[in-house]
């Protein structure tokens, strides 16, 4: 396994990424052919390319998701939520609910890829609580400002970094 990782690392350090994909300079390719089969080198190139695409996908998804958390969080307030429920709203409550579910799942997945802290999700989580409570407010006979589901626990700052 160590030899394969060595090949992968060497291909990644030598590879050129261009419009046509990922390639090795001719001298690096010939040097690798002294130790490796052409098929192994091509496989390593494909793996490096896939790894680069996955990294780019995660970064793009992270950026998009952070913006969606911010955008959807605007509907977390009572006023924003009520405007979304009005007839003729630009984004109807059903669309907002679908987006919120998908973004929540994306946020879960992105947690394993992020190096930086996640976006501030408080307003987004308020929206999710309101969506979950939609239709049961009258049964509960509660003030519109009171969330029916418990607030998430505040996470304490970790001094260890």
N, C-alpha and C. Protein backbone atom coordinates (compact mmCIF):
# COMPACT_ATOMS: atom_id res chain seq x y z
N UNK A 1 0.83 -1.20 0.00
CA UNK A 1 0.00 0.00 0.00
C UNK A 1 0.87 1.25 0.00
N UNK A 2 1.99 1.21 0.69
CA UNK A 2 2.87 2.37 0.78
C UNK A 2 3.41 2.79 -0.57
N UNK A 3 3.72 1.81 -1.43
CA UNK A 3 4.25 2.14 -2.76
C UNK A 3 3.21 2.86 -3.60
N UNK A 4 1.96 2.44 -3.49
CA UNK A 4 0.89 3.09 -4.26
C UNK A 4 0.70 4.52 -3.80
N UNK A 5 0.78 4.73 -2.50
CA UNK A 5 0.66 6.08 -1.96
C UNK A 5 1.82 6.93 -2.44
N UNK A 6 3.01 6.33 -2.51
CA UNK A 6 4.17 7.06 -3.03
C UNK A 6 3.94 7.49 -4.47
N UNK A 7 3.42 6.58 -5.30
CA UNK A 7 3.12 6.92 -6.69
C UNK A 7 2.09 8.03 -6.76
N UNK A 8 1.03 7.89 -6.00
CA UNK A 8 -0.04 8.90 -5.97
C UNK A 8 0.54 10.26 -5.58
N UNK A 9 1.38 10.29 -4.55
CA UNK A 9 1.98 11.55 -4.08
C UNK A 9 2.88 12.16 -5.14
N UNK A 10 3.67 11.33 -5.78
CA UNK A 10 4.58 11.84 -6.80
C UNK A 10 3.81 12.37 -8.00
N UNK A 11 2.79 11.65 -8.43
CA UNK A 11 1.97 12.12 -9.56
C UNK A 11 1.30 13.44 -9.18
N UNK A 12 0.79 13.54 -7.98
CA UNK A 12 0.12 14.77 -7.54
C UNK A 12 1.08 15.96 -7.53
N UNK A 13 2.32 15.73 -7.13
CA UNK A 13 3.27 16.84 -7.06
C UNK A 13 3.79 17.24 -8.44
N UNK A 14 3.83 16.30 -9.38
CA UNK A 14 4.37 16.57 -10.71
C UNK A 14 3.30 16.98 -11.73
N UNK A 15 2.05 16.70 -11.46
CA UNK A 15 0.99 16.88 -12.45
C UNK A 15 0.73 18.34 -12.75
N UNK A 16 0.36 18.56 -14.00
CA UNK A 16 -0.06 19.88 -14.47
C UNK A 16 -1.56 19.81 -14.73
N UNK A 17 -2.28 20.79 -14.21
CA UNK A 17 -3.72 20.84 -14.43
C UNK A 17 -3.99 21.92 -15.46
N UNK A 18 -4.66 21.53 -16.52
CA UNK A 18 -4.97 22.48 -17.58
C UNK A 18 -6.39 22.30 -18.06
N UNK A 19 -6.71 23.00 -19.13
CA UNK A 19 -8.07 22.94 -19.67
C UNK A 19 -8.41 21.53 -20.14
N UNK A 20 -7.42 20.78 -20.58
CA UNK A 20 -7.65 19.42 -21.07
C UNK A 20 -7.64 18.37 -19.99
N UNK A 21 -7.49 18.77 -18.76
CA UNK A 21 -7.46 17.81 -17.65
C UNK A 21 -6.11 17.83 -16.95
N UNK A 22 -5.70 16.69 -16.46
CA UNK A 22 -4.47 16.59 -15.70
C UNK A 22 -3.46 15.75 -16.50
N UNK A 23 -2.23 16.25 -16.60
CA UNK A 23 -1.19 15.54 -17.35
C UNK A 23 0.12 15.59 -16.58
N UNK A 24 1.01 14.72 -16.98
CA UNK A 24 2.38 14.72 -16.43
C UNK A 24 3.33 15.26 -17.49
N UNK A 25 4.29 16.07 -17.10
CA UNK A 25 5.31 16.47 -18.07
C UNK A 25 6.04 15.22 -18.58
N UNK A 26 6.50 15.25 -19.83
CA UNK A 26 7.13 14.06 -20.41
C UNK A 26 8.30 13.50 -19.59
N UNK A 27 9.12 14.37 -19.03
CA UNK A 27 10.27 13.88 -18.24
C UNK A 27 9.80 13.17 -16.97
N UNK A 28 8.77 13.69 -16.31
CA UNK A 28 8.25 13.04 -15.11
C UNK A 28 7.60 11.70 -15.46
N UNK A 29 6.90 11.67 -16.58
CA UNK A 29 6.25 10.43 -17.02
C UNK A 29 7.31 9.35 -17.29
N UNK A 30 8.37 9.72 -17.99
CA UNK A 30 9.44 8.75 -18.30
C UNK A 30 10.13 8.27 -17.03
N UNK A 31 10.38 9.17 -16.11
CA UNK A 31 11.00 8.79 -14.83
C UNK A 31 10.13 7.80 -14.07
N UNK A 32 8.82 8.03 -14.04
CA UNK A 32 7.89 7.13 -13.34
C UNK A 32 7.80 5.78 -14.05
N UNK A 33 7.92 5.79 -15.37
CA UNK A 33 7.84 4.53 -16.13
C UNK A 33 9.00 3.60 -15.83
N UNK A 34 10.09 4.14 -15.28
CA UNK A 34 11.22 3.30 -14.90
C UNK A 34 10.84 2.37 -13.75
N UNK A 35 9.90 2.81 -12.90
CA UNK A 35 9.49 2.04 -11.72
C UNK A 35 8.09 1.46 -11.82
N UNK A 36 7.24 2.05 -12.66
CA UNK A 36 5.83 1.72 -12.67
C UNK A 36 5.35 1.34 -14.06
N UNK A 37 4.32 0.54 -14.09
CA UNK A 37 3.66 0.22 -15.34
C UNK A 37 2.86 1.44 -15.80
N UNK A 38 2.73 1.58 -17.11
CA UNK A 38 1.98 2.69 -17.68
C UNK A 38 0.55 2.72 -17.14
N UNK A 39 -0.04 1.56 -16.98
CA UNK A 39 -1.41 1.44 -16.44
C UNK A 39 -1.51 2.01 -15.03
N UNK A 40 -0.48 1.75 -14.20
CA UNK A 40 -0.48 2.27 -12.83
C UNK A 40 -0.36 3.79 -12.82
N UNK A 41 0.46 4.32 -13.71
CA UNK A 41 0.62 5.78 -13.79
C UNK A 41 -0.69 6.42 -14.23
N UNK A 42 -1.35 5.84 -15.22
CA UNK A 42 -2.63 6.38 -15.69
C UNK A 42 -3.69 6.31 -14.59
N UNK A 43 -3.69 5.22 -13.84
CA UNK A 43 -4.64 5.09 -12.72
C UNK A 43 -4.37 6.17 -11.67
N UNK A 44 -3.09 6.41 -11.38
CA UNK A 44 -2.74 7.45 -10.41
C UNK A 44 -3.17 8.83 -10.91
N UNK A 45 -2.99 9.09 -12.20
CA UNK A 45 -3.45 10.36 -12.77
C UNK A 45 -4.95 10.53 -12.60
N UNK A 46 -5.69 9.47 -12.85
CA UNK A 46 -7.14 9.52 -12.69
C UNK A 46 -7.52 9.78 -11.23
N UNK A 47 -6.84 9.12 -10.31
CA UNK A 47 -7.14 9.32 -8.88
C UNK A 47 -6.83 10.75 -8.44
N UNK A 48 -5.70 11.28 -8.90
CA UNK A 48 -5.34 12.66 -8.56
C UNK A 48 -6.40 13.60 -9.12
N UNK A 49 -6.83 13.36 -10.35
CA UNK A 49 -7.85 14.20 -10.97
C UNK A 49 -9.16 14.14 -10.18
N UNK A 50 -9.58 12.93 -9.82
CA UNK A 50 -10.80 12.77 -9.03
C UNK A 50 -10.69 13.47 -7.68
N UNK A 51 -9.53 13.38 -7.07
CA UNK A 51 -9.31 14.04 -5.78
C UNK A 51 -9.42 15.55 -5.93
N UNK A 52 -8.84 16.10 -6.99
CA UNK A 52 -8.94 17.54 -7.23
C UNK A 52 -10.39 17.96 -7.46
N UNK A 53 -11.12 17.17 -8.24
CA UNK A 53 -12.53 17.48 -8.48
C UNK A 53 -13.35 17.41 -7.20
N UNK A 54 -13.07 16.41 -6.36
CA UNK A 54 -13.81 16.28 -5.11
C UNK A 54 -13.53 17.48 -4.20
N UNK A 55 -12.29 17.91 -4.16
CA UNK A 55 -11.93 19.07 -3.35
C UNK A 55 -12.65 20.32 -3.86
N UNK A 56 -12.65 20.49 -5.17
CA UNK A 56 -13.34 21.64 -5.77
C UNK A 56 -14.84 21.57 -5.51
N UNK A 57 -15.41 20.39 -5.61
CA UNK A 57 -16.84 20.21 -5.34
C UNK A 57 -17.16 20.57 -3.89
N UNK A 58 -16.35 20.09 -2.97
CA UNK A 58 -16.59 20.37 -1.55
C UNK A 58 -16.48 21.87 -1.28
N UNK A 59 -15.50 22.54 -1.88
CA UNK A 59 -15.34 23.98 -1.67
C UNK A 59 -16.52 24.76 -2.26
N UNK A 60 -16.95 24.36 -3.45
CA UNK A 60 -18.09 25.04 -4.08
C UNK A 60 -19.37 24.80 -3.29
N UNK A 61 -19.58 23.56 -2.86
CA UNK A 61 -20.78 23.23 -2.07
C UNK A 61 -20.76 23.97 -0.74
N UNK A 62 -19.59 24.09 -0.14
CA UNK A 62 -19.47 24.80 1.13
C UNK A 62 -19.85 26.26 0.96
N UNK A 63 -19.35 26.89 -0.09
CA UNK A 63 -19.66 28.28 -0.35
C UNK A 63 -21.15 28.48 -0.61
N UNK A 64 -21.72 27.62 -1.45
CA UNK A 64 -23.15 27.70 -1.77
C UNK A 64 -24.01 27.44 -0.53
N UNK A 65 -23.64 26.44 0.24
CA UNK A 65 -24.42 26.10 1.42
C UNK A 65 -24.38 27.22 2.45
N UNK A 66 -23.22 27.81 2.65
CA UNK A 66 -23.11 28.91 3.60
C UNK A 66 -24.01 30.07 3.19
N UNK A 67 -24.05 30.35 1.90
CA UNK A 67 -24.92 31.43 1.41
C UNK A 67 -26.39 31.07 1.57
N UNK A 68 -26.74 29.81 1.33
CA UNK A 68 -28.13 29.37 1.49
C UNK A 68 -28.55 29.41 2.96
N UNK A 69 -27.65 29.05 3.86
CA UNK A 69 -27.96 29.13 5.29
C UNK A 69 -28.29 30.57 5.65
N UNK A 70 -27.49 31.50 5.13
CA UNK A 70 -27.71 32.92 5.39
C UNK A 70 -29.04 33.39 4.78
N UNK A 71 -29.26 33.04 3.52
CA UNK A 71 -30.48 33.45 2.82
C UNK A 71 -31.72 32.87 3.49
N UNK A 72 -31.72 31.58 3.75
CA UNK A 72 -32.89 30.94 4.36
C UNK A 72 -33.09 31.41 5.80
N UNK A 73 -32.01 31.77 6.47
CA UNK A 73 -32.11 32.28 7.83
C UNK A 73 -32.94 33.55 7.91
N UNK A 74 -33.03 34.29 6.81
CA UNK A 74 -33.85 35.50 6.79
C UNK A 74 -35.33 35.19 7.01
N UNK A 75 -35.71 33.95 6.75
CA UNK A 75 -37.10 33.52 6.97
C UNK A 75 -37.29 32.93 8.36
N UNK A 76 -36.27 32.93 9.17
CA UNK A 76 -36.36 32.38 10.52
C UNK A 76 -37.07 33.29 11.50
N UNK A 77 -37.09 34.58 11.21
CA UNK A 77 -37.78 35.51 12.10
C UNK A 77 -39.29 35.40 11.88
N UNK A 78 -40.05 35.86 12.83
CA UNK A 78 -41.51 35.81 12.71
C UNK A 78 -41.97 36.56 11.48
N UNK A 79 -41.45 37.76 11.26
CA UNK A 79 -41.87 38.56 10.11
C UNK A 79 -41.50 37.90 8.79
N UNK A 80 -40.29 37.41 8.70
CA UNK A 80 -39.85 36.74 7.47
C UNK A 80 -40.67 35.49 7.20
N UNK A 81 -40.96 34.75 8.23
CA UNK A 81 -41.74 33.52 8.07
C UNK A 81 -43.17 33.84 7.63
N UNK A 82 -43.74 34.87 8.24
CA UNK A 82 -45.11 35.27 7.87
C UNK A 82 -45.16 35.76 6.42
N UNK A 83 -44.13 36.52 5.99
CA UNK A 83 -44.10 36.99 4.60
C UNK A 83 -44.02 35.80 3.63
N UNK A 84 -43.28 34.75 4.00
CA UNK A 84 -43.16 33.58 3.14
C UNK A 84 -44.49 32.82 3.03
N UNK A 85 -45.33 32.95 4.05
CA UNK A 85 -46.61 32.26 4.04
C UNK A 85 -47.68 33.03 3.27
N UNK A 86 -47.41 34.30 2.97
CA UNK A 86 -48.38 35.11 2.26
C UNK A 86 -48.51 34.64 0.82
N UNK A 87 -49.70 34.80 0.28
CA UNK A 87 -49.93 34.46 -1.12
C UNK A 87 -49.13 35.43 -1.99
N UNK A 88 -48.49 34.90 -3.00
CA UNK A 88 -47.70 35.72 -3.91
C UNK A 88 -46.27 35.94 -3.45
N UNK A 89 -45.86 35.27 -2.39
CA UNK A 89 -44.48 35.41 -1.92
C UNK A 89 -43.53 34.90 -2.99
N UNK A 90 -42.38 35.55 -3.12
CA UNK A 90 -41.40 35.15 -4.13
C UNK A 90 -41.00 33.70 -3.93
N UNK A 91 -40.69 33.33 -2.73
CA UNK A 91 -40.41 31.94 -2.38
C UNK A 91 -41.52 31.49 -1.45
N UNK A 92 -42.29 30.52 -1.89
CA UNK A 92 -43.36 30.00 -1.05
C UNK A 92 -42.81 29.12 0.05
N UNK A 93 -43.62 28.87 1.04
CA UNK A 93 -43.20 28.09 2.20
C UNK A 93 -42.80 26.67 1.80
N UNK A 94 -43.45 26.11 0.77
CA UNK A 94 -43.09 24.76 0.34
C UNK A 94 -41.69 24.73 -0.27
N UNK A 95 -41.36 25.73 -1.08
CA UNK A 95 -40.02 25.82 -1.67
C UNK A 95 -38.97 26.05 -0.58
N UNK A 96 -39.28 26.93 0.34
CA UNK A 96 -38.35 27.21 1.45
C UNK A 96 -38.11 25.94 2.25
N UNK A 97 -39.16 25.18 2.50
CA UNK A 97 -39.02 23.93 3.24
C UNK A 97 -38.15 22.93 2.52
N UNK A 98 -38.35 22.79 1.22
CA UNK A 98 -37.52 21.87 0.43
C UNK A 98 -36.06 22.30 0.46
N UNK A 99 -35.81 23.58 0.24
CA UNK A 99 -34.43 24.08 0.27
C UNK A 99 -33.80 23.88 1.64
N UNK A 100 -34.56 24.16 2.69
CA UNK A 100 -34.03 24.03 4.05
C UNK A 100 -33.64 22.58 4.34
N UNK A 101 -34.46 21.63 3.92
CA UNK A 101 -34.13 20.21 4.14
C UNK A 101 -32.86 19.81 3.40
N UNK A 102 -32.75 20.25 2.17
CA UNK A 102 -31.57 19.88 1.37
C UNK A 102 -30.31 20.55 1.90
N UNK A 103 -30.41 21.81 2.29
CA UNK A 103 -29.26 22.52 2.83
C UNK A 103 -28.84 21.91 4.17
N UNK A 104 -29.80 21.52 4.98
CA UNK A 104 -29.47 20.89 6.27
C UNK A 104 -28.67 19.61 6.04
N UNK A 105 -29.08 18.81 5.07
CA UNK A 105 -28.34 17.57 4.77
C UNK A 105 -26.96 17.89 4.21
N UNK A 106 -26.88 18.88 3.34
CA UNK A 106 -25.59 19.29 2.79
C UNK A 106 -24.66 19.78 3.90
N UNK A 107 -25.19 20.51 4.84
CA UNK A 107 -24.40 20.98 5.98
C UNK A 107 -23.84 19.80 6.79
N UNK A 108 -24.65 18.76 6.97
CA UNK A 108 -24.18 17.57 7.69
C UNK A 108 -23.00 16.94 6.96
N UNK A 109 -23.11 16.80 5.65
CA UNK A 109 -22.05 16.18 4.85
C UNK A 109 -20.79 17.05 4.85
N UNK A 110 -20.98 18.35 4.69
CA UNK A 110 -19.84 19.26 4.61
C UNK A 110 -19.06 19.34 5.92
N UNK A 111 -19.67 18.99 7.01
CA UNK A 111 -18.98 19.05 8.31
C UNK A 111 -17.69 18.23 8.29
N UNK A 112 -17.67 17.15 7.55
CA UNK A 112 -16.46 16.32 7.51
C UNK A 112 -15.40 16.87 6.55
N UNK A 113 -15.75 17.84 5.71
CA UNK A 113 -14.81 18.41 4.76
C UNK A 113 -14.26 19.76 5.18
N UNK A 114 -14.95 20.44 6.05
CA UNK A 114 -14.58 21.82 6.38
C UNK A 114 -13.35 21.91 7.26
N UNK A 115 -12.50 22.88 6.89
CA UNK A 115 -11.38 23.23 7.74
C UNK A 115 -11.74 24.46 8.57
N UNK A 116 -12.55 25.34 7.97
CA UNK A 116 -12.98 26.56 8.64
C UNK A 116 -14.27 26.29 9.41
N UNK A 117 -14.60 27.16 10.36
CA UNK A 117 -15.86 26.99 11.10
C UNK A 117 -17.06 27.10 10.16
N UNK A 118 -18.15 26.41 10.48
CA UNK A 118 -19.36 26.49 9.64
C UNK A 118 -19.99 27.88 9.77
N UNK A 119 -20.92 28.20 8.87
CA UNK A 119 -21.60 29.50 8.97
C UNK A 119 -22.47 29.56 10.22
N UNK A 120 -22.82 30.78 10.62
CA UNK A 120 -23.71 30.97 11.76
C UNK A 120 -25.08 30.43 11.37
N UNK A 121 -25.54 29.41 12.06
CA UNK A 121 -26.78 28.71 11.69
C UNK A 121 -27.96 29.07 12.58
N UNK A 122 -27.83 30.01 13.47
CA UNK A 122 -28.92 30.28 14.42
C UNK A 122 -30.23 30.66 13.73
N UNK A 123 -30.18 31.59 12.77
CA UNK A 123 -31.41 32.01 12.09
C UNK A 123 -31.94 30.86 11.21
N UNK A 124 -31.04 30.11 10.60
CA UNK A 124 -31.44 28.97 9.78
C UNK A 124 -32.13 27.92 10.64
N UNK A 125 -31.60 27.63 11.81
CA UNK A 125 -32.21 26.66 12.72
C UNK A 125 -33.56 27.17 13.22
N UNK A 126 -33.68 28.49 13.41
CA UNK A 126 -34.99 29.06 13.79
C UNK A 126 -36.01 28.81 12.68
N UNK A 127 -35.59 28.97 11.44
CA UNK A 127 -36.48 28.68 10.31
C UNK A 127 -36.87 27.21 10.32
N UNK A 128 -35.93 26.32 10.52
CA UNK A 128 -36.24 24.88 10.54
C UNK A 128 -37.24 24.55 11.64
N UNK A 129 -37.09 25.18 12.81
CA UNK A 129 -38.05 24.95 13.90
C UNK A 129 -39.43 25.44 13.49
N UNK A 130 -39.49 26.62 12.87
CA UNK A 130 -40.78 27.16 12.44
C UNK A 130 -41.42 26.24 11.39
N UNK A 131 -40.62 25.73 10.47
CA UNK A 131 -41.16 24.81 9.46
C UNK A 131 -41.69 23.53 10.10
N UNK A 132 -40.96 23.02 11.10
CA UNK A 132 -41.41 21.80 11.77
C UNK A 132 -42.69 22.04 12.57
N UNK A 133 -42.83 23.25 13.09
CA UNK A 133 -44.00 23.58 13.90
C UNK A 133 -45.19 24.04 13.07
N UNK A 134 -44.98 24.28 11.79
CA UNK A 134 -46.03 24.80 10.93
C UNK A 134 -47.26 23.91 11.00
N UNK A 135 -48.37 24.53 11.34
CA UNK A 135 -49.62 23.78 11.41
C UNK A 135 -49.99 23.32 12.80
N UNK A 136 -49.03 23.33 13.74
CA UNK A 136 -49.37 22.88 15.09
C UNK A 136 -49.38 24.03 16.09
N UNK A 137 -49.12 25.27 15.61
CA UNK A 137 -49.08 26.40 16.52
C UNK A 137 -50.41 26.61 17.24
N UNK A 138 -51.52 26.50 16.47
CA UNK A 138 -52.82 26.74 17.07
C UNK A 138 -53.15 25.68 18.12
N UNK A 139 -52.78 24.44 17.83
CA UNK A 139 -53.03 23.35 18.78
C UNK A 139 -52.28 23.58 20.09
N UNK A 140 -51.10 24.19 19.97
CA UNK A 140 -50.27 24.39 21.16
C UNK A 140 -50.68 25.65 21.93
N UNK A 141 -51.44 26.57 21.26
CA UNK A 141 -51.88 27.82 21.87
C UNK A 141 -50.70 28.56 22.48
N UNK A 142 -49.72 28.84 21.63
CA UNK A 142 -48.52 29.55 22.10
C UNK A 142 -48.36 30.85 21.35
N UNK A 143 -47.62 31.75 21.95
CA UNK A 143 -47.25 33.02 21.35
C UNK A 143 -46.40 32.73 20.12
N UNK A 144 -46.58 33.50 19.05
CA UNK A 144 -45.87 33.27 17.79
C UNK A 144 -44.35 33.40 17.95
N UNK A 145 -43.90 34.17 18.91
CA UNK A 145 -42.46 34.35 19.11
C UNK A 145 -41.81 33.18 19.84
N UNK A 146 -42.60 32.31 20.44
CA UNK A 146 -42.04 31.20 21.21
C UNK A 146 -41.85 30.01 20.29
N UNK A 147 -40.65 29.46 20.26
CA UNK A 147 -40.38 28.26 19.44
C UNK A 147 -40.95 27.05 20.15
N UNK A 148 -41.60 26.18 19.40
CA UNK A 148 -42.19 24.99 20.00
C UNK A 148 -41.15 23.91 20.26
N UNK A 149 -40.15 23.84 19.41
CA UNK A 149 -39.08 22.87 19.63
C UNK A 149 -37.99 23.54 20.45
N UNK A 150 -37.28 22.77 21.25
CA UNK A 150 -36.26 23.39 22.09
C UNK A 150 -35.15 24.00 21.25
N UNK A 151 -34.61 25.09 21.77
CA UNK A 151 -33.46 25.73 21.14
C UNK A 151 -32.26 24.80 21.25
N UNK A 152 -31.39 24.78 20.24
CA UNK A 152 -30.18 23.96 20.35
C UNK A 152 -29.27 24.52 21.43
N UNK A 153 -28.55 23.64 22.09
CA UNK A 153 -27.63 24.06 23.15
C UNK A 153 -26.53 24.91 22.53
N UNK A 154 -26.16 25.97 23.19
CA UNK A 154 -25.04 26.79 22.73
C UNK A 154 -23.76 26.00 22.89
N UNK A 155 -22.96 25.97 21.82
CA UNK A 155 -21.69 25.28 21.90
C UNK A 155 -20.66 26.18 22.55
N UNK A 156 -19.91 25.62 23.48
CA UNK A 156 -18.89 26.40 24.14
C UNK A 156 -17.66 26.44 23.27
N UNK A 157 -16.93 27.56 23.34
CA UNK A 157 -15.69 27.69 22.60
C UNK A 157 -14.68 26.73 23.18
N UNK A 158 -13.96 26.06 22.30
CA UNK A 158 -12.93 25.11 22.72
C UNK A 158 -11.61 25.87 22.76
N UNK A 159 -10.99 25.96 23.92
CA UNK A 159 -9.73 26.67 24.07
C UNK A 159 -8.58 25.94 23.41
N UNK A 160 -8.77 24.67 23.05
CA UNK A 160 -7.68 23.89 22.47
C UNK A 160 -7.55 24.11 20.97
N UNK A 161 -8.39 24.95 20.37
CA UNK A 161 -8.26 25.29 18.96
C UNK A 161 -9.15 24.49 18.17
